[in-house]
PDB file of N, CA and C in Angstrom:
ATOM      1  N   MET A   1      60.738  79.893  88.549  1.00  0.00           N
ATOM      2  CA  MET A   1      60.805  81.158  89.201  1.00  0.00           C
ATOM      3  C   MET A   1      62.104  80.318  91.129  1.00  0.00           C
ATOM      4  N   ALA A   2      61.957  79.521  90.607  1.00  0.00           N
ATOM      5  CA  ALA A   2      62.319  78.113  91.468  1.00  0.00           C
ATOM      6  C   ALA A   2      64.244  78.771  91.320  1.00  0.00           C
ATOM      7  N   SER A   3      64.096  78.239  90.193  1.00  0.00           N
ATOM      8  CA  SER A   3      66.052  79.170  89.530  1.00  0.00           C
ATOM      9  C   SER A   3      66.568  79.976  90.341  1.00  0.00           C
ATOM     10  N   ILE A   4      65.809  80.703  90.299  1.00  0.00           N
ATOM     11  CA  ILE A   4      65.966  82.627  90.884  1.00  0.00           C
ATOM     12  C   ILE A   4      65.709  82.702  92.434  1.00  0.00           C
ATOM     13  N   ASP A   5      64.780  82.092  92.287  1.00  0.00           N
ATOM     14  CA  ASP A   5      64.994  81.693  93.628  1.00  0.00           C
ATOM     15  C   ASP A   5      66.489  81.250  94.731  1.00  0.00           C
ATOM     16  N   HIS A   6      66.769  79.675  94.225  1.00  0.00           N
ATOM     17  CA  HIS A   6      67.817  79.180  94.882  1.00  0.00           C
ATOM     18  C   HIS A   6      69.408  80.302  94.270  1.00  0.00           C
ATOM     19  N   LYS A   7      69.218  80.763  92.851  1.00  0.00           N
ATOM     20  CA  LYS A   7      71.077  81.488  92.889  1.00  0.00           C
ATOM     21  C   LYS A   7      70.697  82.485  93.963  1.00  0.00           C
ATOM     22  N   LEU A   8      69.211  83.155  94.461  1.00  0.00           N
ATOM     23  CA  LEU A   8      69.284  84.321  95.989  1.00  0.00           C
ATOM     24  C   LEU A   8      70.322  83.932  97.033  1.00  0.00           C
ATOM     25  N   THR A   9      69.312  82.635  97.081  1.00  0.00           N
ATOM     26  CA  THR A   9      70.139  81.973  98.294  1.00  0.00           C
ATOM     27  C   THR A   9      70.583  82.189  98.356  1.00  0.00           C
ATOM     28  N   ILE A  10      71.754  81.662  97.342  1.00  0.00           N
ATOM     29  CA  ILE A  10      73.639  81.196  96.875  1.00  0.00           C
ATOM     30  C   ILE A  10      74.045  81.914  97.214  1.00  0.00           C
ATOM     31  N   ALA A  11      73.956  82.913  96.332  1.00  0.00           N
ATOM     32  CA  ALA A  11      73.946  84.925  96.620  1.00  0.00           C
ATOM     33  C   ALA A  11      74.344  85.165  97.580  1.00  0.00           C
ATOM     34  N   LYS A  12      73.783  84.992  98.416  1.00  0.00           N
ATOM     35  CA  LYS A  12      73.226  85.933  99.625  1.00  0.00           C
ATOM     36  C   LYS A  12      74.350  85.141 101.019  1.00  0.00           C
ATOM     37  N   ARG A  13      74.853  83.502 100.212  1.00  0.00           N
ATOM     38  CA  ARG A  13      75.077  82.278 101.186  1.00  0.00           C
ATOM     39  C   ARG A  13      76.622  82.917 100.976  1.00  0.00           C
ATOM     40  N   CYS A  14      76.741  82.886 100.028  1.00  0.00           N
ATOM     41  CA  CYS A  14      77.842  83.883  99.317  1.00  0.00           C
ATOM     42  C   CYS A  14      79.162  85.595 100.528  1.00  0.00           C
ATOM     43  N   ALA A  15      77.457  85.773  99.884  1.00  0.00           N
ATOM     44  CA  ALA A  15      78.393  87.471 100.909  1.00  0.00           C
ATOM     45  C   ALA A  15      78.074  86.981 102.558  1.00  0.00           C
ATOM     46  N   ARG A  16      77.535  86.203 102.829  1.00  0.00           N
ATOM     47  CA  ARG A  16      77.856  86.323 104.873  1.00  0.00           C
ATOM     48  C   ARG A  16      78.639  85.444 104.528  1.00  0.00           C
ATOM     49  N   ASP A  17      79.405  84.215 103.780  1.00  0.00           N
ATOM     50  CA  ASP A  17      79.765  83.966 104.558  1.00  0.00           C
ATOM     51  C   ASP A  17      81.463  84.712 103.825  1.00  0.00           C
ATOM     52  N   GLY A  18      81.271  85.090 103.011  1.00  0.00           N
ATOM     53  CA  GLY A  18      82.840  86.399 102.838  1.00  0.00           C
ATOM     54  C   GLY A  18      82.809  87.497 104.066  1.00  0.00           C
ATOM     55  N   VAL A  19      81.399  87.889 104.658  1.00  0.00           N
ATOM     56  CA  VAL A  19      81.751  88.869 105.655  1.00  0.00           C
ATOM     57  C   VAL A  19      82.486  88.332 106.669  1.00  0.00           C
ATOM     58  N   ILE A  20      81.621  87.018 107.085  1.00  0.00           N
ATOM     59  CA  ILE A  20      82.532  86.182 108.468  1.00  0.00           C
ATOM     60  C   ILE A  20      83.696  85.828 108.318  1.00  0.00           C
ATOM     61  N   ALA A  21      84.259  86.049 106.916  1.00  0.00           N
ATOM     62  CA  ALA A  21      85.247  85.623 106.895  1.00  0.00           C
ATOM     63  C   ALA A  21      86.366  86.799 107.074  1.00  0.00           C
ATOM     64  N   GLY A  22      85.821  87.961 105.894  1.00  0.00           N
ATOM     65  CA  GLY A  22      86.670  89.644 106.509  1.00  0.00           C
ATOM     66  C   GLY A  22      86.785  89.870 107.756  1.00  0.00           C
ATOM     67  N   ALA A  23      85.689  89.891 109.006  1.00  0.00           N
ATOM     68  CA  ALA A  23      85.584  90.270 109.740  1.00  0.00           C
ATOM     69  C   ALA A  23      86.688  89.594 110.559  1.00  0.00           C
ATOM     70  N   LYS A  24      86.526  87.485 110.991  1.00  0.00           N
ATOM     71  CA  LYS A  24      87.721  86.566 111.147  1.00  0.00           C
ATOM     72  C   LYS A  24      89.430  87.415 110.634  1.00  0.00           C
ATOM     73  N   ALA A  25      89.294  87.646 109.764  1.00  0.00           N
ATOM     74  CA  ALA A  25      90.723  88.550 108.851  1.00  0.00           C
ATOM     75  C   ALA A  25      91.747  89.572 109.525  1.00  0.00           C
ATOM     76  N   ALA A  26      90.337  90.145 109.771  1.00  0.00           N
ATOM     77  CA  ALA A  26      90.614  91.574 110.114  1.00  0.00           C
ATOM     78  C   ALA A  26      90.785  91.883 112.059  1.00  0.00           C
ATOM     79  N   ALA A  27      90.043  90.847 112.460  1.00  0.00           N
ATOM     80  CA  ALA A  27      89.900  90.974 113.966  1.00  0.00           C
ATOM     81  C   ALA A  27      91.829  90.246 114.056  1.00  0.00           C
ATOM     82  N   VAL A  28      92.119  88.787 112.993  1.00  0.00           N
ATOM     83  CA  VAL A  28      93.494  88.335 113.545  1.00  0.00           C
ATOM     84  C   VAL A  28      94.544  89.765 113.207  1.00  0.00           C
ATOM     85  N   ALA A  29      93.981  90.690 112.688  1.00  0.00           N
ATOM     86  CA  ALA A  29      94.876  91.422 111.170  1.00  0.00           C
ATOM     87  C   ALA A  29      95.605  92.603 112.843  1.00  0.00           C
ATOM     88  N   THR A  30      94.538  92.372 113.316  1.00  0.00           N
ATOM     89  CA  THR A  30      94.278  94.446 114.056  1.00  0.00           C
ATOM     90  C   THR A  30      94.812  93.586 115.472  1.00  0.00           C
ATOM     91  N   VAL A  31      94.834  92.724 115.980  1.00  0.00           N
ATOM     92  CA  VAL A  31      95.651  91.597 116.998  1.00  0.00           C
ATOM     93  C   VAL A  31      97.399  92.549 116.320  1.00  0.00           C
ATOM     94  N   ALA A  32      97.658  91.903 115.652  1.00  0.00           N
ATOM     95  CA  ALA A  32      98.300  91.350 114.562  1.00  0.00           C
ATOM     96  C   ALA A  32      99.756  92.527 114.312  1.00  0.00           C
ATOM     97  N   ALA A  33      98.805  93.702 113.754  1.00  0.00           N
ATOM     98  CA  ALA A  33      98.844  95.173 113.794  1.00  0.00           C
ATOM     99  C   ALA A  33      99.547  95.861 115.018  1.00  0.00           C
ATOM    100  N   ALA A  34      98.499  96.123 116.035  1.00  0.00           N
ATOM    101  CA  ALA A  34      98.598  96.717 117.213  1.00  0.00           C
ATOM    102  C   ALA A  34      99.867  96.571 118.065  1.00  0.00           C
ATOM    103  N   ILE A  35      99.995  95.191 118.497  1.00  0.00           N
ATOM    104  CA  ILE A  35     100.939  94.216 119.128  1.00  0.00           C
ATOM    105  C   ILE A  35     102.492  95.231 118.686  1.00  0.00           C
ATOM    106  N   PRO A  36     102.733  95.811 117.887  1.00  0.00           N
ATOM    107  CA  PRO A  36     104.302  96.176 116.874  1.00  0.00           C
ATOM    108  C   PRO A  36     104.386  97.675 116.648  1.00  0.00           C
ATOM    109  N   THR A  37     103.114  97.882 116.710  1.00  0.00           N
ATOM    110  CA  THR A  37     102.658  99.032 116.463  1.00  0.00           C
ATOM    111  C   THR A  37     102.827  99.683 117.762  1.00  0.00           C
ATOM    112  N   LEU A  38     102.272  99.678 118.958  1.00  0.00           N
ATOM    113  CA  LEU A  38     102.488 100.426 120.068  1.00  0.00           C
ATOM    114  C   LEU A  38     103.338  99.718 120.594  1.00  0.00           C
ATOM    115  N   ALA A  39     103.491  98.952 120.478  1.00  0.00           N
ATOM    116  CA  ALA A  39     105.546  98.571 121.042  1.00  0.00           C
ATOM    117  C   ALA A  39     106.492  99.279 120.631  1.00  0.00           C
ATOM    118  N   SER A  40     106.174 100.286 120.032  1.00  0.00           N
ATOM    119  CA  SER A  40     107.489 100.410 119.456  1.00  0.00           C
ATOM    120  C   SER A  40     107.559 101.603 118.884  1.00  0.00           C
ATOM    121  N   ALA A  41     106.092 102.114 118.959  1.00  0.00           N
ATOM    122  CA  ALA A  41     105.702 103.995 119.513  1.00  0.00           C
ATOM    123  C   ALA A  41     106.231 103.849 121.709  1.00  0.00           C
ATOM    124  N   ARG A  42     106.181 103.325 121.832  1.00  0.00           N
ATOM    125  CA  ARG A  42     106.759 102.942 123.160  1.00  0.00           C
ATOM    126  C   ARG A  42     107.750 103.139 123.244  1.00  0.00           C
ATOM    127  N   MET A  43     108.853 102.033 122.933  1.00  0.00           N
ATOM    128  CA  MET A  43     110.202 101.550 122.766  1.00  0.00           C
ATOM    129  C   MET A  43     111.065 102.865 121.981  1.00  0.00           C
ATOM    130  N   LEU A  44     110.788 102.531 120.855  1.00  0.00           N
ATOM    131  CA  LEU A  44     112.176 103.381 119.942  1.00  0.00           C
ATOM    132  C   LEU A  44     111.863 104.983 119.956  1.00  0.00           C
ATOM    133  N   PRO A  45     112.370 106.038 120.369  1.00  0.00           N
ATOM    134  CA  PRO A  45     112.638 106.654 120.048  1.00  0.00           C
ATOM    135  C   PRO A  45     112.282 108.277 118.614  1.00  0.00           C
ATOM    136  N   TRP A  46     112.061 107.336 118.204  1.00  0.00           N
ATOM    137  CA  TRP A  46     111.656 107.436 116.254  1.00  0.00           C
ATOM    138  C   TRP A  46     110.567 107.909 116.368  1.00  0.00           C
ATOM    139  N   ALA A  47     109.355 106.020 117.364  1.00  0.00           N
ATOM    140  CA  ALA A  47     108.783 106.512 116.759  1.00  0.00           C
ATOM    141  C   ALA A  47     107.717 107.076 117.977  1.00  0.00           C
ATOM    142  N   ARG A  48     108.477 106.919 118.887  1.00  0.00           N
ATOM    143  CA  ARG A  48     107.215 108.014 119.954  1.00  0.00           C
ATOM    144  C   ARG A  48     107.651 109.320 119.611  1.00  0.00           C
ATOM    145  N   THR A  49     108.487 109.984 119.243  1.00  0.00           N
ATOM    146  CA  THR A  49     107.922 111.037 118.835  1.00  0.00           C
ATOM    147  C   THR A  49     106.819 111.501 117.357  1.00  0.00           C
ATOM    148  N   TYR A  50     106.903 110.803 116.195  1.00  0.00           N
ATOM    149  CA  TYR A  50     106.310 111.104 115.370  1.00  0.00           C
ATOM    150  C   TYR A  50     105.321 110.525 115.158  1.00  0.00           C
ATOM    151  N   LEU A  51     105.059 109.116 116.187  1.00  0.00           N
ATOM    152  CA  LEU A  51     103.375 107.842 115.500  1.00  0.00           C
ATOM    153  C   LEU A  51     102.944 107.969 117.112  1.00  0.00           C
ATOM    154  N   ASN A  52     101.254 109.153 116.900  1.00  0.00           N
ATOM    155  CA  ASN A  52     100.904 110.118 117.780  1.00  0.00           C
ATOM    156  C   ASN A  52     100.072 108.817 117.611  1.00  0.00           C
ATOM    157  N   HIS A  53      98.873 109.629 119.536  1.00  0.00           N
ATOM    158  CA  HIS A  53      98.302 108.102 118.974  1.00  0.00           C
ATOM    159  C   HIS A  53      97.187 107.904 117.497  1.00  0.00           C
ATOM    160  N   THR A  54      97.008 109.128 117.487  1.00  0.00           N
ATOM    161  CA  THR A  54      96.362 109.540 115.395  1.00  0.00           C
ATOM    162  C   THR A  54      96.808 108.276 114.852  1.00  0.00           C
ATOM    163  N   ALA A  55      98.088 108.906 114.149  1.00  0.00           N
ATOM    164  CA  ALA A  55      98.845 107.741 113.807  1.00  0.00           C
ATOM    165  C   ALA A  55      99.234 106.658 113.976  1.00  0.00           C
ATOM    166  N   GLN A  56      98.722 105.646 114.911  1.00  0.00           N
ATOM    167  CA  GLN A  56      99.213 104.820 115.652  1.00  0.00           C
ATOM    168  C   GLN A  56      97.652 103.609 115.601  1.00  0.00           C
ATOM    169  N   ALA A  57      96.241 104.755 115.662  1.00  0.00           N
ATOM    170  CA  ALA A  57      94.724 104.262 115.088  1.00  0.00           C
ATOM    171  C   ALA A  57      95.139 104.009 113.868  1.00  0.00           C
ATOM    172  N   LEU A  58      95.473 105.216 112.718  1.00  0.00           N
ATOM    173  CA  LEU A  58      95.512 105.231 111.413  1.00  0.00           C
ATOM    174  C   LEU A  58      96.120 103.647 110.783  1.00  0.00           C
ATOM    175  N   ILE A  59      97.168 103.876 111.497  1.00  0.00           N
ATOM    176  CA  ILE A  59      98.661 102.367 111.025  1.00  0.00           C
ATOM    177  C   ILE A  59      97.248 101.223 111.258  1.00  0.00           C
ATOM    178  N   ILE A  60      96.450 101.016 112.114  1.00  0.00           N
ATOM    179  CA  ILE A  60      96.456  99.233 112.485  1.00  0.00           C
ATOM    180  C   ILE A  60      94.827  99.036 112.230  1.00  0.00           C
ATOM    181  N   SER A  61      94.299 100.085 111.873  1.00  0.00           N
ATOM    182  CA  SER A  61      92.901 100.536 111.322  1.00  0.00           C
ATOM    183  C   SER A  61      93.094  99.976 109.922  1.00  0.00           C
ATOM    184  N   SER A  62      93.687 100.540 109.417  1.00  0.00           N
ATOM    185  CA  SER A  62      94.085 100.531 107.571  1.00  0.00           C
ATOM    186  C   SER A  62      94.715  98.589 107.346  1.00  0.00           C
ATOM    187  N   VAL A  63      95.517  98.456 108.504  1.00  0.00           N
ATOM    188  CA  VAL A  63      95.235  96.899 107.978  1.00  0.00           C
ATOM    189  C   VAL A  63      94.798  96.501 108.384  1.00  0.00           C
ATOM    190  N   ALA A  64      93.516  96.185 109.362  1.00  0.00           N
ATOM    191  CA  ALA A  64      92.585  95.489 109.472  1.00  0.00           C
ATOM    192  C   ALA A  64      91.107  95.854 108.045  1.00  0.00           C
ATOM    193  N   GLY A  65      91.360  97.108 107.962  1.00  0.00           N
ATOM    194  CA  GLY A  65      90.851  97.000 107.004  1.00  0.00           C
ATOM    195  C   GLY A  65      91.467  96.430 105.196  1.00  0.00           C
ATOM    196  N   ALA A  66      92.257  96.833 104.820  1.00  0.00           N
ATOM    197  CA  ALA A  66      92.518  96.068 104.195  1.00  0.00           C
ATOM    198  C   ALA A  66      92.819  94.205 103.950  1.00  0.00           C
ATOM    199  N   ALA A  67      92.485  93.858 104.837  1.00  0.00           N
ATOM    200  CA  ALA A  67      92.438  92.497 105.547  1.00  0.00           C
ATOM    201  C   ALA A  67      91.202  92.271 105.394  1.00  0.00           C
ATOM    202  N   TYR A  68      89.856  92.681 106.018  1.00  0.00           N
ATOM    203  CA  TYR A  68      88.266  92.376 105.135  1.00  0.00           C
ATOM    204  C   TYR A  68      88.270  92.488 104.273  1.00  0.00           C
ATOM    205  N   PHE A  69      88.918  93.728 103.540  1.00  0.00           N
ATOM    206  CA  PHE A  69      88.626  93.388 101.798  1.00  0.00           C
ATOM    207  C   PHE A  69      89.557  92.228 101.277  1.00  0.00           C
ATOM    208  N   ILE A  70      90.346  91.721 101.262  1.00  0.00           N
ATOM    209  CA  ILE A  70      91.319  91.098 100.824  1.00  0.00           C
ATOM    210  C   ILE A  70      90.353  89.520 101.117  1.00  0.00           C
ATOM    211  N   VAL A  71      90.611  89.359 102.265  1.00  0.00           N
ATOM    212  CA  VAL A  71      89.802  88.036 102.270  1.00  0.00           C
ATOM    213  C   VAL A  71      87.975  87.332 102.201  1.00  0.00           C
ATOM    214  N   ALA A  72      87.384  89.618 102.628  1.00  0.00           N
ATOM    215  CA  ALA A  72      86.128  88.796 102.012  1.00  0.00           C
ATOM    216  C   ALA A  72      85.907  88.907 100.896  1.00  0.00           C
ATOM    217  N   ASP A  73      86.836  89.252  99.456  1.00  0.00           N
ATOM    218  CA  ASP A  73      87.073  89.152  98.370  1.00  0.00           C
ATOM    219  C   ASP A  73      87.239  87.950  97.750  1.00  0.00           C
ATOM    220  N   LYS A  74      88.059  87.280  98.639  1.00  0.00           N
ATOM    221  CA  LYS A  74      89.085  86.364  97.856  1.00  0.00           C
ATOM    222  C   LYS A  74      87.348  85.449  98.387  1.00  0.00           C
ATOM    223  N   THR A  75      87.318  85.258  99.338  1.00  0.00           N
ATOM    224  CA  THR A  75      85.966  83.944  99.705  1.00  0.00           C
ATOM    225  C   THR A  75      84.715  84.353  98.728  1.00  0.00           C
ATOM    226  N   VAL A  76      84.440  85.263  98.061  1.00  0.00           N
ATOM    227  CA  VAL A  76      83.435  85.547  97.678  1.00  0.00           C
ATOM    228  C   VAL A  76      83.751  85.155  95.883  1.00  0.00           C
ATOM    229  N   LEU A  77      84.273  85.205  95.889  1.00  0.00           N
ATOM    230  CA  LEU A  77      85.138  84.968  94.321  1.00  0.00           C
ATOM    231  C   LEU A  77      85.271  83.373  94.436  1.00  0.00           C
ATOM    232  N   GLN A  78      85.325  83.077  95.771  1.00  0.00           N
ATOM    233  CA  GLN A  78      85.800  80.801  95.842  1.00  0.00           C
ATOM    234  C   GLN A  78      84.475  80.229  95.646  1.00  0.00           C
ATOM    235  N   SER A  79      83.875  81.277  96.379  1.00  0.00           N
ATOM    236  CA  SER A  79      81.933  80.466  96.386  1.00  0.00           C
ATOM    237  C   SER A  79      81.787  80.250  95.100  1.00  0.00           C
ATOM    238  N   ALA A  80      82.116  81.710  94.178  1.00  0.00           N
ATOM    239  CA  ALA A  80      81.609  81.736  92.801  1.00  0.00           C
ATOM    240  C   ALA A  80      82.015  81.093  91.923  1.00  0.00           C
ATOM    241  N   ARG A  81      83.159  80.803  91.876  1.00  0.00           N
ATOM    242  CA  ARG A  81      84.280  79.735  91.699  1.00  0.00           C
ATOM    243  C   ARG A  81      83.241  78.293  91.593  1.00  0.00           C
ATOM    244  N   ASN A  82      83.153  78.206  92.692  1.00  0.00           N
ATOM    245  CA  ASN A  82      82.907  76.575  93.486  1.00  0.00           C
ATOM    246  C   ASN A  82      81.558  76.503  92.256  1.00  0.00           C
ATOM    247  N   ASN A  83      80.643  77.576  93.046  1.00  0.00           N
ATOM    248  CA  ASN A  83      78.886  77.557  92.223  1.00  0.00           C
ATOM    249  C   ASN A  83      79.208  76.811  91.134  1.00  0.00           C
ATOM    250  N   SER A  84      79.889  78.159  90.457  1.00  0.00           N
ATOM    251  CA  SER A  84      79.968  77.714  88.876  1.00  0.00           C
ATOM    252  C   SER A  84      80.457  76.487  87.850  1.00  0.00           C
ATOM    253  N   PHE A  85      81.735  76.098  88.776  1.00  0.00           N
ATOM    254  CA  PHE A  85      81.848  74.422  88.752  1.00  0.00           C
ATOM    255  C   PHE A  85      80.931  73.661  89.374  1.00  0.00           C
ATOM    256  N   LYS A  86      79.941  73.803  89.519  1.00  0.00           N
ATOM    257  CA  LYS A  86      79.030  72.425  90.217  1.00  0.00           C
ATOM    258  C   LYS A  86      77.841  72.617  89.164  1.00  0.00           C
ATOM    259  N   ASN A  87      77.497  73.948  88.295  1.00  0.00           N
ATOM    260  CA  ASN A  87      76.424  74.048  88.119  1.00  0.00           C
ATOM    261  C   ASN A  87      77.065  73.579  86.639  1.00  0.00           C
ATOM    262  N   ALA A  88      78.448  73.858  86.027  1.00  0.00           N
ATOM    263  CA  ALA A  88      78.468  73.642  84.946  1.00  0.00           C
ATOM    264  C   ALA A  88      78.467  71.735  84.436  1.00  0.00           C
ATOM    265  N   HIS A  89      79.158  71.353  85.681  1.00  0.00           N
ATOM    266  CA  HIS A  89      78.627  69.219  85.796  1.00  0.00           C
ATOM    267  C   HIS A  89      77.395  69.208  85.448  1.00  0.00           C
ATOM    268  N   LYS A  90      76.300  69.911  86.379  1.00  0.00           N
ATOM    269  CA  LYS A  90      74.810  69.651  86.276  1.00  0.00           C
ATOM    270  C   LYS A  90      74.706  69.591  84.635  1.00  0.00           C
ATOM    271  N   SER A  91      74.841  70.929  84.447  1.00  0.00           N
ATOM    272  CA  SER A  91      74.171  71.303  83.219  1.00  0.00           C
ATOM    273  C   SER A  91      75.297  69.905  81.638  1.00  0.00           C
ATOM    274  N   GLU A  92      77.026  69.343  81.996  1.00  0.00           N
ATOM    275  CA  GLU A  92      77.318  68.266  81.191  1.00  0.00           C
ATOM    276  C   GLU A  92      75.712  67.775  81.147  1.00  0.00           C
ATOM    277  N   ALA A  93      76.102  66.406  82.256  1.00  0.00           N
ATOM    278  CA  ALA A  93      75.213  65.999  82.329  1.00  0.00           C
ATOM    279  C   ALA A  93      73.696  65.402  82.145  1.00  0.00           C
ATOM    280  N   MET A  94      72.668  66.621  81.597  1.00  0.00           N
ATOM    281  CA  MET A  94      71.657  66.737  80.842  1.00  0.00           C
ATOM    282  C   MET A  94      72.346  66.365  79.322  1.00  0.00           C
TER     283      MET A  94
END
């Protein structure tokens, strides 16, 4: 039973680390996408004509969402890979 509880704790920690890393990446990506999007919508005639507020918000939120899921997925996979290698070394020692 202790092994199952330990695995569950590791899985929860991996998921939490993924959420935190994804949120940080989404915040950075939001700022990185918002600055050029909003600046171009104000300065370029084409963008001023065709990019209304909804389009600007869609561009920025798409970048943030993509960054969140990519980084969260990579973080969870990296944690799982590290944990599986730790378990492999433990089983080889026995």
